[in-house]
Amino acid sequence: MQLRIYQVDAFTEKVFGGNPAAVVPLDEWLPDELLQNIAKENNLSETAFFVKNGDRYLIRWFTPTVEVDLCGHATLATAHVLFQHEGHLGPVIQFYSPRSGNLKVSLQEELMTLDFPKDEVNEIPLNEELKACFSLSPVQAFRGKSDVVLVFQSEMEIRNIQFDLAKIEEIPARGVIVTAKGEVVDFVSRFFGPQVGVPEDPVTGSAHTSLIPIWAEKLGKTKLKAKQLSARGGELNCELLGHRVAISGKAVTYLEGKLFI
């Protein structure tokens, strides 16, 4: 069996920037074990698989170790593949995830916009378990559906923070997001997910479903510019839309090939 595969750098305008994701089109779903093995072999933070279903696309995302509920950068990468390589017609793509429901990506010129559900985040106590994960102490903590969000005092702290992946892995969450008010953009962040096989994710679209409502309230505005301060880095345009969020960015193709299964 041969399968097409693409590798796309998402939330960037240039190759080797943003967050790389693999995208594998399927005619029908393959066994979960095989999907997981493909993702493990790819060894990227996420591999997205999609199946055309009428006028929409069913989509699932796998890290090298587990299937996840939602992945922004791999959805952006999948939309890029559909727009640029797989012949999708029209400026809007409707996705459906069994784990996250209806998702939409729209294209305007080169900019793609994710329409995702807003996460419900609630402030939680700053306990010693959370503080022990990092060299600096956060000033506030939140819990969303999947992740813990720790707010720090400055962008410089986020850039220079030292972390203990073994302690982060003990936190009962998909991952831990660290964030602060930005110096040039509205807010900055980093994402650590050793719990799901991703030590540090370069650019995490799904994390912004939690970050957008937090910073919209803090800054008193609904349109926000964000930057993820990983080594590769990534920039995102964000907007709070009631119970939904819009996350915009660009993507570029790095690789197109075949898998031999």
C-alpha atoms as a PDB file:
ATOM      1  CA  MET A   1       0.000   0.000   0.000  1.00  0.00           C
ATOM      2  CA  GLN A   2       1.252   3.472  -0.905  1.00  0.00           C
ATOM      3  CA  LEU A   3       0.095   6.679   0.768  1.00  0.00           C
ATOM      4  CA  ARG A   4       0.814  10.282  -0.100  1.00  0.00           C
ATOM      5  CA  ILE A   5       2.541  12.339   2.577  1.00  0.00           C
ATOM      6  CA  TYR A   6       3.345  16.023   2.921  1.00  0.00           C
ATOM      7  CA  GLN A   7       5.419  17.877   5.477  1.00  0.00           C
ATOM      8  CA  VAL A   8       4.401  21.478   6.035  1.00  0.00           C
ATOM      9  CA  ASP A   9       5.858  24.229   8.195  1.00  0.00           C
ATOM     10  CA  ALA A  10       2.880  26.005   9.784  1.00  0.00           C
ATOM     11  CA  PHE A  11       2.589  29.512  11.245  1.00  0.00           C
ATOM     12  CA  THR A  12       5.524  30.753   9.210  1.00  0.00           C
ATOM     13  CA  GLU A  13       6.318  32.306   5.824  1.00  0.00           C
ATOM     14  CA  LYS A  14       9.546  30.356   5.312  1.00  0.00           C
ATOM     15  CA  VAL A  15      10.798  26.788   5.400  1.00  0.00           C
ATOM     16  CA  PHE A  16      12.545  25.780   8.647  1.00  0.00           C
ATOM     17  CA  GLY A  17      10.370  28.169  10.633  1.00  0.00           C
ATOM     18  CA  GLY A  18       7.132  27.677  12.517  1.00  0.00           C
ATOM     19  CA  ASN A  19       5.971  24.192  13.445  1.00  0.00           C
ATOM     20  CA  PRO A  20       6.420  21.208  11.107  1.00  0.00           C
ATOM     21  CA  ALA A  21       3.526  18.780  10.700  1.00  0.00           C
ATOM     22  CA  ALA A  22       3.060  15.719   8.528  1.00  0.00           C
ATOM     23  CA  VAL A  23      -0.200  15.404   6.588  1.00  0.00           C
ATOM     24  CA  VAL A  24      -1.416  12.080   5.192  1.00  0.00           C
ATOM     25  CA  PRO A  25      -4.529  11.965   2.957  1.00  0.00           C
ATOM     26  CA  LEU A  26      -6.556   8.739   3.249  1.00  0.00           C
ATOM     27  CA  ASP A  27      -9.393   7.239   1.210  1.00  0.00           C
ATOM     28  CA  GLU A  28     -10.684   5.535   4.367  1.00  0.00           C
ATOM     29  CA  TRP A  29      -9.548   5.155   7.954  1.00  0.00           C
ATOM     30  CA  LEU A  30      -6.757   2.696   8.603  1.00  0.00           C
ATOM     31  CA  PRO A  31      -6.361   0.819  11.926  1.00  0.00           C
ATOM     32  CA  ASP A  32      -5.457   3.100  14.831  1.00  0.00           C
ATOM     33  CA  GLU A  33      -2.285   1.113  15.504  1.00  0.00           C
ATOM     34  CA  LEU A  34      -1.065   1.799  11.963  1.00  0.00           C
ATOM     35  CA  LEU A  35      -1.878   5.517  12.232  1.00  0.00           C
ATOM     36  CA  GLN A  36       0.064   5.686  15.481  1.00  0.00           C
ATOM     37  CA  ASN A  37       3.021   3.841  13.960  1.00  0.00           C
ATOM     38  CA  ILE A  38       3.124   6.270  11.033  1.00  0.00           C
ATOM     39  CA  ALA A  39       3.133   9.212  13.449  1.00  0.00           C
ATOM     40  CA  LYS A  40       5.871   7.569  15.491  1.00  0.00           C
ATOM     41  CA  GLU A  41       7.952   6.985  12.366  1.00  0.00           C
ATOM     42  CA  ASN A  42       7.487  10.602  11.274  1.00  0.00           C
ATOM     43  CA  ASN A  43       8.667  11.720  14.734  1.00  0.00           C
ATOM     44  CA  LEU A  44       7.114  15.174  14.437  1.00  0.00           C
ATOM     45  CA  SER A  45       5.023  16.789  17.138  1.00  0.00           C
ATOM     46  CA  GLU A  46       1.899  15.919  15.097  1.00  0.00           C
ATOM     47  CA  THR A  47       0.840  13.933  12.069  1.00  0.00           C
ATOM     48  CA  ALA A  48      -2.614  14.754  10.699  1.00  0.00           C
ATOM     49  CA  PHE A  49      -4.735  12.235   8.802  1.00  0.00           C
ATOM     50  CA  PHE A  50      -7.853  13.191   6.867  1.00  0.00           C
ATOM     51  CA  VAL A  51     -10.637  11.459   4.932  1.00  0.00           C
ATOM     52  CA  LYS A  52     -12.994  13.287   2.569  1.00  0.00           C
ATOM     53  CA  ASN A  53     -16.601  12.881   3.698  1.00  0.00           C
ATOM     54  CA  GLY A  54     -19.112  14.602   1.427  1.00  0.00           C
ATOM     55  CA  ASP A  55     -18.440  18.338   1.514  1.00  0.00           C
ATOM     56  CA  ARG A  56     -16.208  18.163   4.591  1.00  0.00           C
ATOM     57  CA  TYR A  57     -13.068  16.388   5.786  1.00  0.00           C
ATOM     58  CA  LEU A  58     -12.772  14.145   8.817  1.00  0.00           C
ATOM     59  CA  ILE A  59      -9.500  14.850  10.619  1.00  0.00           C
ATOM     60  CA  ARG A  60      -7.444  13.226  13.396  1.00  0.00           C
ATOM     61  CA  TRP A  61      -4.072  14.123  14.930  1.00  0.00           C
ATOM     62  CA  PHE A  62      -1.362  11.906  16.424  1.00  0.00           C
ATOM     63  CA  THR A  63       1.847  12.752  18.283  1.00  0.00           C
ATOM     64  CA  PRO A  64       4.592  10.093  18.229  1.00  0.00           C
ATOM     65  CA  THR A  65       2.936   8.506  21.287  1.00  0.00           C
ATOM     66  CA  VAL A  66      -0.810   9.325  21.448  1.00  0.00           C
ATOM     67  CA  GLU A  67      -3.843  10.631  19.579  1.00  0.00           C
ATOM     68  CA  VAL A  68      -4.759  14.164  20.712  1.00  0.00           C
ATOM     69  CA  ASP A  69      -8.067  16.020  20.938  1.00  0.00           C
ATOM     70  CA  LEU A  70      -7.073  19.096  18.941  1.00  0.00           C
ATOM     71  CA  CYS A  71      -4.061  20.399  17.029  1.00  0.00           C
ATOM     72  CA  GLY A  72      -3.981  23.835  15.479  1.00  0.00           C
ATOM     73  CA  HIS A  73      -0.753  23.815  13.490  1.00  0.00           C
ATOM     74  CA  ALA A  74      -1.456  20.397  11.926  1.00  0.00           C
ATOM     75  CA  THR A  75      -4.960  21.580  10.963  1.00  0.00           C
ATOM     76  CA  LEU A  76      -3.428  24.662   9.352  1.00  0.00           C
ATOM     77  CA  ALA A  77      -0.941  22.369   7.578  1.00  0.00           C
ATOM     78  CA  THR A  78      -3.772  20.113   6.381  1.00  0.00           C
ATOM     79  CA  ALA A  79      -5.690  23.076   5.015  1.00  0.00           C
ATOM     80  CA  HIS A  80      -2.541  24.225   3.206  1.00  0.00           C
ATOM     81  CA  VAL A  81      -2.205  20.772   1.623  1.00  0.00           C
ATOM     82  CA  LEU A  82      -5.849  20.775   0.529  1.00  0.00           C
ATOM     83  CA  PHE A  83      -5.660  24.288  -0.902  1.00  0.00           C
ATOM     84  CA  GLN A  84      -2.279  23.904  -2.595  1.00  0.00           C
ATOM     85  CA  HIS A  85      -1.889  20.219  -3.473  1.00  0.00           C
ATOM     86  CA  GLU A  86      -5.113  18.229  -3.169  1.00  0.00           C
ATOM     87  CA  GLY A  87      -7.410  20.288  -5.371  1.00  0.00           C
ATOM     88  CA  HIS A  88      -9.861  21.713  -2.831  1.00  0.00           C
ATOM     89  CA  LEU A  89     -12.022  24.332  -4.516  1.00  0.00           C
ATOM     90  CA  GLY A  90     -13.279  27.426  -2.735  1.00  0.00           C
ATOM     91  CA  PRO A  91     -11.894  29.596   0.083  1.00  0.00           C
ATOM     92  CA  VAL A  92     -13.332  27.603   3.028  1.00  0.00           C
ATOM     93  CA  ILE A  93     -12.618  24.089   4.303  1.00  0.00           C
ATOM     94  CA  GLN A  94     -14.971  22.380   6.742  1.00  0.00           C
ATOM     95  CA  PHE A  95     -13.305  19.842   9.030  1.00  0.00           C
ATOM     96  CA  TYR A  96     -14.915  17.546  11.559  1.00  0.00           C
ATOM     97  CA  SER A  97     -13.041  15.977  14.474  1.00  0.00           C
ATOM     98  CA  PRO A  98     -14.681  13.194  16.523  1.00  0.00           C
ATOM     99  CA  ARG A  99     -12.954  14.738  19.551  1.00  0.00           C
ATOM    100  CA  SER A 100     -13.406  18.479  18.919  1.00  0.00           C
ATOM    101  CA  GLY A 101     -16.431  18.821  16.648  1.00  0.00           C
ATOM    102  CA  ASN A 102     -16.744  21.230  13.728  1.00  0.00           C
ATOM    103  CA  LEU A 103     -13.649  23.171  12.714  1.00  0.00           C
ATOM    104  CA  LYS A 104     -13.231  25.578   9.810  1.00  0.00           C
ATOM    105  CA  VAL A 105     -10.305  27.051   7.910  1.00  0.00           C
ATOM    106  CA  SER A 106     -10.753  29.988   5.536  1.00  0.00           C
ATOM    107  CA  LEU A 107      -8.240  31.355   3.049  1.00  0.00           C
ATOM    108  CA  GLN A 108      -7.789  35.017   2.162  1.00  0.00           C
ATOM    109  CA  GLU A 109      -4.820  35.620  -0.141  1.00  0.00           C
ATOM    110  CA  GLU A 110      -2.012  33.690   1.623  1.00  0.00           C
ATOM    111  CA  LEU A 111      -3.425  33.929   5.145  1.00  0.00           C
ATOM    112  CA  MET A 112      -5.386  30.995   6.561  1.00  0.00           C
ATOM    113  CA  THR A 113      -7.662  31.389   9.563  1.00  0.00           C
ATOM    114  CA  LEU A 114      -8.624  28.594  11.935  1.00  0.00           C
ATOM    115  CA  ASP A 115     -12.108  28.773  13.468  1.00  0.00           C
ATOM    116  CA  PHE A 116     -11.847  26.742  16.688  1.00  0.00           C
ATOM    117  CA  PRO A 117     -13.922  26.386  19.863  1.00  0.00           C
ATOM    118  CA  LYS A 118     -12.757  28.620  22.709  1.00  0.00           C
ATOM    119  CA  ASP A 119     -11.365  26.712  25.665  1.00  0.00           C
ATOM    120  CA  GLU A 120     -12.998  27.145  29.062  1.00  0.00           C
ATOM    121  CA  VAL A 121     -10.202  28.195  31.400  1.00  0.00           C
ATOM    122  CA  ASN A 122     -10.454  28.693  35.135  1.00  0.00           C
ATOM    123  CA  GLU A 123      -7.945  30.063  37.604  1.00  0.00           C
ATOM    124  CA  ILE A 124      -6.409  27.427  39.895  1.00  0.00           C
ATOM    125  CA  PRO A 125      -4.115  27.652  42.933  1.00  0.00           C
ATOM    126  CA  LEU A 126      -0.377  27.951  42.350  1.00  0.00           C
ATOM    127  CA  ASN A 127       0.838  24.843  44.151  1.00  0.00           C
ATOM    128  CA  GLU A 128       4.398  23.646  44.726  1.00  0.00           C
ATOM    129  CA  GLU A 129       4.046  20.959  42.047  1.00  0.00           C
ATOM    130  CA  LEU A 130       3.552  23.637  39.394  1.00  0.00           C
ATOM    131  CA  LYS A 131       6.233  25.958  40.761  1.00  0.00           C
ATOM    132  CA  ALA A 132       8.802  23.142  40.796  1.00  0.00           C
ATOM    133  CA  CYS A 133       8.608  22.756  37.000  1.00  0.00           C
ATOM    134  CA  PHE A 134      10.387  26.032  36.264  1.00  0.00           C
ATOM    135  CA  SER A 135      13.310  28.116  37.456  1.00  0.00           C
ATOM    136  CA  LEU A 136      11.110  31.185  37.915  1.00  0.00           C
ATOM    137  CA  SER A 137       7.878  31.499  39.843  1.00  0.00           C
ATOM    138  CA  PRO A 138       4.648  32.184  37.962  1.00  0.00           C
ATOM    139  CA  VAL A 139       2.217  34.804  39.220  1.00  0.00           C
ATOM    140  CA  GLN A 140      -1.004  33.056  38.178  1.00  0.00           C
ATOM    141  CA  ALA A 141      -2.233  29.647  37.027  1.00  0.00           C
ATOM    142  CA  PHE A 142      -5.190  28.497  34.933  1.00  0.00           C
ATOM    143  CA  ARG A 143      -6.582  25.127  33.916  1.00  0.00           C
ATOM    144  CA  GLY A 144      -8.270  24.450  30.586  1.00  0.00           C
ATOM    145  CA  LYS A 145      -9.721  21.299  29.085  1.00  0.00           C
ATOM    146  CA  SER A 146      -6.309  19.890  28.183  1.00  0.00           C
ATOM    147  CA  ASP A 147      -3.548  22.136  29.478  1.00  0.00           C
ATOM    148  CA  VAL A 148      -2.300  24.121  32.450  1.00  0.00           C
ATOM    149  CA  VAL A 149      -1.424  27.768  31.755  1.00  0.00           C
ATOM    150  CA  LEU A 150       1.137  29.586  33.918  1.00  0.00           C
ATOM    151  CA  VAL A 151       1.370  33.379  33.671  1.00  0.00           C
ATOM    152  CA  PHE A 152       4.733  35.043  34.282  1.00  0.00           C
ATOM    153  CA  GLN A 153       5.770  38.662  34.739  1.00  0.00           C
ATOM    154  CA  SER A 154       7.636  39.402  31.516  1.00  0.00           C
ATOM    155  CA  GLU A 155       8.537  38.266  28.012  1.00  0.00           C
ATOM    156  CA  MET A 156      12.178  38.019  29.088  1.00  0.00           C
ATOM    157  CA  GLU A 157      11.222  35.438  31.710  1.00  0.00           C
ATOM    158  CA  ILE A 158       9.505  33.319  29.057  1.00  0.00           C
ATOM    159  CA  ARG A 159      12.539  33.566  26.754  1.00  0.00           C
ATOM    160  CA  ASN A 160      15.055  32.599  29.427  1.00  0.00           C
ATOM    161  CA  ILE A 161      13.044  30.222  31.600  1.00  0.00           C
ATOM    162  CA  GLN A 162      14.697  26.973  32.665  1.00  0.00           C
ATOM    163  CA  PHE A 163      12.442  23.933  32.902  1.00  0.00           C
ATOM    164  CA  ASP A 164      12.412  20.401  34.298  1.00  0.00           C
ATOM    165  CA  LEU A 165      10.711  18.077  31.805  1.00  0.00           C
ATOM    166  CA  ALA A 166      10.531  15.222  34.318  1.00  0.00           C
ATOM    167  CA  LYS A 167       8.526  17.413  36.706  1.00  0.00           C
ATOM    168  CA  ILE A 168       6.361  18.809  33.887  1.00  0.00           C
ATOM    169  CA  GLU A 169       5.550  15.244  32.853  1.00  0.00           C
ATOM    170  CA  GLU A 170       4.103  14.627  36.327  1.00  0.00           C
ATOM    171  CA  ILE A 171       1.465  17.352  35.839  1.00  0.00           C
ATOM    172  CA  PRO A 172      -1.878  15.672  34.978  1.00  0.00           C
ATOM    173  CA  ALA A 173      -2.465  17.532  31.715  1.00  0.00           C
ATOM    174  CA  ARG A 174      -1.653  17.305  28.006  1.00  0.00           C
ATOM    175  CA  GLY A 175       0.965  19.970  28.586  1.00  0.00           C
ATOM    176  CA  VAL A 176       1.985  23.154  30.371  1.00  0.00           C
ATOM    177  CA  ILE A 177       1.854  26.567  28.689  1.00  0.00           C
ATOM    178  CA  VAL A 178       3.958  29.449  30.001  1.00  0.00           C
ATOM    179  CA  THR A 179       2.956  32.942  28.942  1.00  0.00           C
ATOM    180  CA  ALA A 180       3.481  36.660  29.600  1.00  0.00           C
ATOM    181  CA  LYS A 181       2.565  40.045  28.166  1.00  0.00           C
ATOM    182  CA  GLY A 182       4.643  40.742  25.064  1.00  0.00           C
ATOM    183  CA  GLU A 183       7.017  43.621  24.443  1.00  0.00           C
ATOM    184  CA  VAL A 184       6.015  44.076  20.772  1.00  0.00           C
ATOM    185  CA  VAL A 185       3.102  41.649  20.371  1.00  0.00           C
ATOM    186  CA  ASP A 186       0.219  41.374  22.838  1.00  0.00           C
ATOM    187  CA  PHE A 187       1.407  38.141  24.455  1.00  0.00           C
ATOM    188  CA  VAL A 188       4.083  35.483  24.145  1.00  0.00           C
ATOM    189  CA  SER A 189       4.141  31.840  25.123  1.00  0.00           C
ATOM    190  CA  ARG A 190       5.946  28.498  25.095  1.00  0.00           C
ATOM    191  CA  PHE A 191       4.423  25.005  25.273  1.00  0.00           C
ATOM    192  CA  PHE A 192       5.856  21.915  26.973  1.00  0.00           C
ATOM    193  CA  GLY A 193       4.153  18.534  26.465  1.00  0.00           C
ATOM    194  CA  PRO A 194       6.375  15.627  27.522  1.00  0.00           C
ATOM    195  CA  GLN A 195       3.153  13.910  28.679  1.00  0.00           C
ATOM    196  CA  VAL A 196       2.274  13.354  24.983  1.00  0.00           C
ATOM    197  CA  GLY A 197       5.781  12.905  23.598  1.00  0.00           C
ATOM    198  CA  VAL A 198       6.428  16.580  22.720  1.00  0.00           C
ATOM    199  CA  PRO A 199       9.167  18.061  24.965  1.00  0.00           C
ATOM    200  CA  GLU A 200       8.705  21.598  23.560  1.00  0.00           C
ATOM    201  CA  ASP A 201       6.334  22.344  20.709  1.00  0.00           C
ATOM    202  CA  PRO A 202       7.518  25.070  18.291  1.00  0.00           C
ATOM    203  CA  VAL A 203       4.110  26.691  17.658  1.00  0.00           C
ATOM    204  CA  THR A 204       0.926  25.377  19.269  1.00  0.00           C
ATOM    205  CA  GLY A 205      -2.318  26.553  17.693  1.00  0.00           C
ATOM    206  CA  SER A 206      -4.548  24.656  20.107  1.00  0.00           C
ATOM    207  CA  ALA A 207      -2.812  26.256  23.109  1.00  0.00           C
ATOM    208  CA  HIS A 208      -4.088  29.603  21.864  1.00  0.00           C
ATOM    209  CA  THR A 209      -7.688  28.479  22.381  1.00  0.00           C
ATOM    210  CA  SER A 210      -6.772  28.818  26.071  1.00  0.00           C
ATOM    211  CA  LEU A 211      -4.466  31.818  25.771  1.00  0.00           C
ATOM    212  CA  ILE A 212      -6.793  34.030  23.731  1.00  0.00           C
ATOM    213  CA  PRO A 213      -9.595  34.270  26.337  1.00  0.00           C
ATOM    214  CA  ILE A 214      -7.059  34.833  29.130  1.00  0.00           C
ATOM    215  CA  TRP A 215      -5.278  37.689  27.361  1.00  0.00           C
ATOM    216  CA  ALA A 216      -8.454  39.159  25.861  1.00  0.00           C
ATOM    217  CA  GLU A 217      -9.734  39.659  29.399  1.00  0.00           C
ATOM    218  CA  LYS A 218      -6.407  40.895  30.761  1.00  0.00           C
ATOM    219  CA  LEU A 219      -5.836  43.403  27.953  1.00  0.00           C
ATOM    220  CA  GLY A 220      -9.451  44.373  27.326  1.00  0.00           C
ATOM    221  CA  LYS A 221      -9.345  43.674  23.601  1.00  0.00           C
ATOM    222  CA  THR A 222     -10.572  40.902  21.305  1.00  0.00           C
ATOM    223  CA  LYS A 223      -7.979  41.157  18.516  1.00  0.00           C
ATOM    224  CA  LEU A 224      -4.515  40.085  19.592  1.00  0.00           C
ATOM    225  CA  LYS A 225      -1.091  39.416  18.112  1.00  0.00           C
ATOM    226  CA  ALA A 226       0.871  36.540  19.615  1.00  0.00           C
ATOM    227  CA  LYS A 227       4.300  34.993  19.298  1.00  0.00           C
ATOM    228  CA  GLN A 228       5.524  31.595  20.460  1.00  0.00           C
ATOM    229  CA  LEU A 229       9.114  31.886  21.632  1.00  0.00           C
ATOM    230  CA  SER A 230      10.482  28.468  20.690  1.00  0.00           C
ATOM    231  CA  ALA A 231      13.770  28.095  18.824  1.00  0.00           C
ATOM    232  CA  ARG A 232      11.898  28.002  15.480  1.00  0.00           C
ATOM    233  CA  GLY A 233       9.357  30.607  16.562  1.00  0.00           C
ATOM    234  CA  GLY A 234       5.963  31.430  15.149  1.00  0.00           C
ATOM    235  CA  GLU A 235       3.554  34.344  14.843  1.00  0.00           C
ATOM    236  CA  LEU A 236      -0.229  34.191  15.144  1.00  0.00           C
ATOM    237  CA  ASN A 237      -3.035  36.673  14.638  1.00  0.00           C
ATOM    238  CA  CYS A 238      -5.791  35.911  17.141  1.00  0.00           C
ATOM    239  CA  GLU A 239      -9.361  37.028  17.754  1.00  0.00           C
ATOM    240  CA  LEU A 240     -11.950  36.175  20.385  1.00  0.00           C
ATOM    241  CA  LEU A 241     -15.354  35.557  18.756  1.00  0.00           C
ATOM    242  CA  GLY A 242     -17.758  34.720  21.574  1.00  0.00           C
ATOM    243  CA  HIS A 243     -17.527  30.965  22.119  1.00  0.00           C
ATOM    244  CA  ARG A 244     -15.087  30.582  19.224  1.00  0.00           C
ATOM    245  CA  VAL A 245     -11.589  31.858  18.475  1.00  0.00           C
ATOM    246  CA  ALA A 246      -9.921  32.753  15.177  1.00  0.00           C
ATOM    247  CA  ILE A 247      -6.230  31.936  14.790  1.00  0.00           C
ATOM    248  CA  SER A 248      -4.521  33.053  11.581  1.00  0.00           C
ATOM    249  CA  GLY A 249      -1.187  32.220   9.999  1.00  0.00           C
ATOM    250  CA  LYS A 250       0.658  31.125   6.898  1.00  0.00           C
ATOM    251  CA  ALA A 251       2.269  27.816   5.911  1.00  0.00           C
ATOM    252  CA  VAL A 252       4.827  26.496   3.423  1.00  0.00           C
ATOM    253  CA  THR A 253       5.401  23.033   1.972  1.00  0.00           C
ATOM    254  CA  TYR A 254       8.724  21.393   2.838  1.00  0.00           C
ATOM    255  CA  LEU A 255       8.254  17.859   1.520  1.00  0.00           C
ATOM    256  CA  GLU A 256       5.975  15.806  -0.715  1.00  0.00           C
ATOM    257  CA  GLY A 257       6.404  12.054  -1.011  1.00  0.00           C
ATOM    258  CA  LYS A 258       5.053   8.532  -0.622  1.00  0.00           C
ATOM    259  CA  LEU A 259       4.777   6.108   2.254  1.00  0.00           C
ATOM    260  CA  PHE A 260       5.213   2.390   1.559  1.00  0.00           C
ATOM    261  CA  ILE A 261       3.241   0.367   4.096  1.00  0.00           C
END
